[in-house]
Amino acid sequence: MADEKHQGLPVSGYLPQGADKVAVVNANKLLEEQCIRAAEAIQKREDCDPRMAALAITGLQQAFMWLNRAVFQPARIKLPEDKQG
């Protein structure tokens, strides 16, 4: 089943992915949600700066986006004005 391929998103540049990579990204998504919820709990505390927590949440979202892009490796796309060949 390691050779099973999942179709890529219907978005240019996203390619079919193996089940192993899908599992890695799904695990990352779980960890991301746990981290964001921890940051949100801190953000709600009266003795903490909610702006700093908001920045931390944004940083977490960016970090996991880059981590998942490292796994899925979306490709660049050709534009209509690119030369053929």
C-alpha atoms as a PDB file:
ATOM      1  CA  MET A   1       0.000   0.000   0.000  1.00  0.00           C
ATOM      2  CA  ALA A   2       3.066   2.240   0.183  1.00  0.00           C
ATOM      3  CA  ASP A   3       2.820   2.747  -3.586  1.00  0.00           C
ATOM      4  CA  GLU A   4      -0.785   3.986  -3.354  1.00  0.00           C
ATOM      5  CA  LYS A   5      -1.067   7.489  -4.797  1.00  0.00           C
ATOM      6  CA  HIS A   6      -3.604  10.072  -3.709  1.00  0.00           C
ATOM      7  CA  GLN A   7      -4.681  12.527  -6.371  1.00  0.00           C
ATOM      8  CA  GLY A   8      -3.268  16.008  -6.009  1.00  0.00           C
ATOM      9  CA  LEU A   9      -5.499  18.967  -5.372  1.00  0.00           C
ATOM     10  CA  PRO A  10      -7.266  20.269  -8.474  1.00  0.00           C
ATOM     11  CA  VAL A  11      -4.850  23.201  -8.332  1.00  0.00           C
ATOM     12  CA  SER A  12      -1.980  23.734 -10.755  1.00  0.00           C
ATOM     13  CA  GLY A  13       1.317  22.516  -9.366  1.00  0.00           C
ATOM     14  CA  TYR A  14      -0.094  20.011  -6.861  1.00  0.00           C
ATOM     15  CA  LEU A  15       0.843  16.463  -7.812  1.00  0.00           C
ATOM     16  CA  PRO A  16      -0.412  13.032  -6.710  1.00  0.00           C
ATOM     17  CA  GLN A  17       1.111  12.030  -3.359  1.00  0.00           C
ATOM     18  CA  GLY A  18       1.987   8.696  -1.803  1.00  0.00           C
ATOM     19  CA  ALA A  19       0.125   7.455   1.248  1.00  0.00           C
ATOM     20  CA  ASP A  20       3.267   7.865   3.367  1.00  0.00           C
ATOM     21  CA  LYS A  21       3.477  11.599   2.599  1.00  0.00           C
ATOM     22  CA  VAL A  22      -0.254  12.054   3.219  1.00  0.00           C
ATOM     23  CA  ALA A  23       0.192  10.375   6.619  1.00  0.00           C
ATOM     24  CA  VAL A  24       3.088  12.696   7.503  1.00  0.00           C
ATOM     25  CA  VAL A  25       1.100  15.807   6.597  1.00  0.00           C
ATOM     26  CA  ASN A  26      -1.980  14.544   8.448  1.00  0.00           C
ATOM     27  CA  ALA A  27       0.183  14.033  11.557  1.00  0.00           C
ATOM     28  CA  ASN A  28       1.549  17.560  11.097  1.00  0.00           C
ATOM     29  CA  LYS A  29      -1.993  18.938  10.877  1.00  0.00           C
ATOM     30  CA  LEU A  30      -2.872  17.271  14.176  1.00  0.00           C
ATOM     31  CA  LEU A  31       0.224  18.698  15.858  1.00  0.00           C
ATOM     32  CA  GLU A  32      -0.489  22.132  14.363  1.00  0.00           C
ATOM     33  CA  GLU A  33      -4.011  22.140  15.799  1.00  0.00           C
ATOM     34  CA  GLN A  34      -2.710  21.133  19.240  1.00  0.00           C
ATOM     35  CA  CYS A  35      -0.099  23.924  19.182  1.00  0.00           C
ATOM     36  CA  ILE A  36      -2.584  26.557  18.023  1.00  0.00           C
ATOM     37  CA  ARG A  37      -5.069  25.570  20.726  1.00  0.00           C
ATOM     38  CA  ALA A  38      -2.328  25.891  23.355  1.00  0.00           C
ATOM     39  CA  ALA A  39      -1.486  29.369  22.026  1.00  0.00           C
ATOM     40  CA  GLU A  40      -5.175  30.326  22.010  1.00  0.00           C
ATOM     41  CA  ALA A  41      -5.452  29.289  25.665  1.00  0.00           C
ATOM     42  CA  ILE A  42      -2.548  31.600  26.510  1.00  0.00           C
ATOM     43  CA  GLN A  43      -4.092  34.354  24.385  1.00  0.00           C
ATOM     44  CA  LYS A  44      -7.248  34.240  26.559  1.00  0.00           C
ATOM     45  CA  ARG A  45      -5.357  34.686  29.822  1.00  0.00           C
ATOM     46  CA  GLU A  46      -5.699  38.120  31.380  1.00  0.00           C
ATOM     47  CA  ASP A  47      -2.065  38.117  32.515  1.00  0.00           C
ATOM     48  CA  CYS A  48      -0.686  37.546  28.978  1.00  0.00           C
ATOM     49  CA  ASP A  49      -0.400  39.812  25.948  1.00  0.00           C
ATOM     50  CA  PRO A  50      -2.977  38.646  23.377  1.00  0.00           C
ATOM     51  CA  ARG A  51      -1.135  40.415  20.547  1.00  0.00           C
ATOM     52  CA  MET A  52       2.004  38.381  21.152  1.00  0.00           C
ATOM     53  CA  ALA A  53      -0.062  35.189  21.253  1.00  0.00           C
ATOM     54  CA  ALA A  54      -1.706  36.183  17.949  1.00  0.00           C
ATOM     55  CA  LEU A  55       1.754  36.587  16.420  1.00  0.00           C
ATOM     56  CA  ALA A  56       2.716  33.168  17.770  1.00  0.00           C
ATOM     57  CA  ILE A  57      -0.395  31.639  16.182  1.00  0.00           C
ATOM     58  CA  THR A  58       0.468  33.224  12.834  1.00  0.00           C
ATOM     59  CA  GLY A  59       4.039  31.937  13.146  1.00  0.00           C
ATOM     60  CA  LEU A  60       2.792  28.424  13.896  1.00  0.00           C
ATOM     61  CA  GLN A  61       0.490  28.499  10.879  1.00  0.00           C
ATOM     62  CA  GLN A  62       3.362  29.649   8.669  1.00  0.00           C
ATOM     63  CA  ALA A  63       5.775  27.087  10.062  1.00  0.00           C
ATOM     64  CA  PHE A  64       3.410  24.192   9.456  1.00  0.00           C
ATOM     65  CA  MET A  65       2.575  25.488   5.972  1.00  0.00           C
ATOM     66  CA  TRP A  66       6.275  25.451   5.059  1.00  0.00           C
ATOM     67  CA  LEU A  67       6.781  22.070   6.697  1.00  0.00           C
ATOM     68  CA  ASN A  68       3.901  20.551   4.717  1.00  0.00           C
ATOM     69  CA  ARG A  69       5.145  22.168   1.497  1.00  0.00           C
ATOM     70  CA  ALA A  70       8.506  20.508   2.189  1.00  0.00           C
ATOM     71  CA  VAL A  71       6.712  17.155   2.181  1.00  0.00           C
ATOM     72  CA  PHE A  72       4.312  17.689  -0.753  1.00  0.00           C
ATOM     73  CA  GLN A  73       6.752  19.776  -2.855  1.00  0.00           C
ATOM     74  CA  PRO A  74       4.234  21.608  -5.066  1.00  0.00           C
ATOM     75  CA  ALA A  75       5.747  22.438  -8.446  1.00  0.00           C
ATOM     76  CA  ARG A  76       5.974  25.755 -10.226  1.00  0.00           C
ATOM     77  CA  ILE A  77       3.616  26.168 -13.142  1.00  0.00           C
ATOM     78  CA  LYS A  78       4.076  27.360 -16.705  1.00  0.00           C
ATOM     79  CA  LEU A  79       2.478  30.636 -17.723  1.00  0.00           C
ATOM     80  CA  PRO A  80       0.879  31.260 -21.133  1.00  0.00           C
ATOM     81  CA  GLU A  81       3.740  33.576 -22.079  1.00  0.00           C
ATOM     82  CA  ASP A  82       6.402  30.930 -21.382  1.00  0.00           C
ATOM     83  CA  LYS A  83       8.128  29.681 -24.503  1.00  0.00           C
ATOM     84  CA  GLN A  84       7.232  26.201 -25.658  1.00  0.00           C
ATOM     85  CA  GLY A  85       9.943  23.605 -25.591  1.00  0.00           C
END
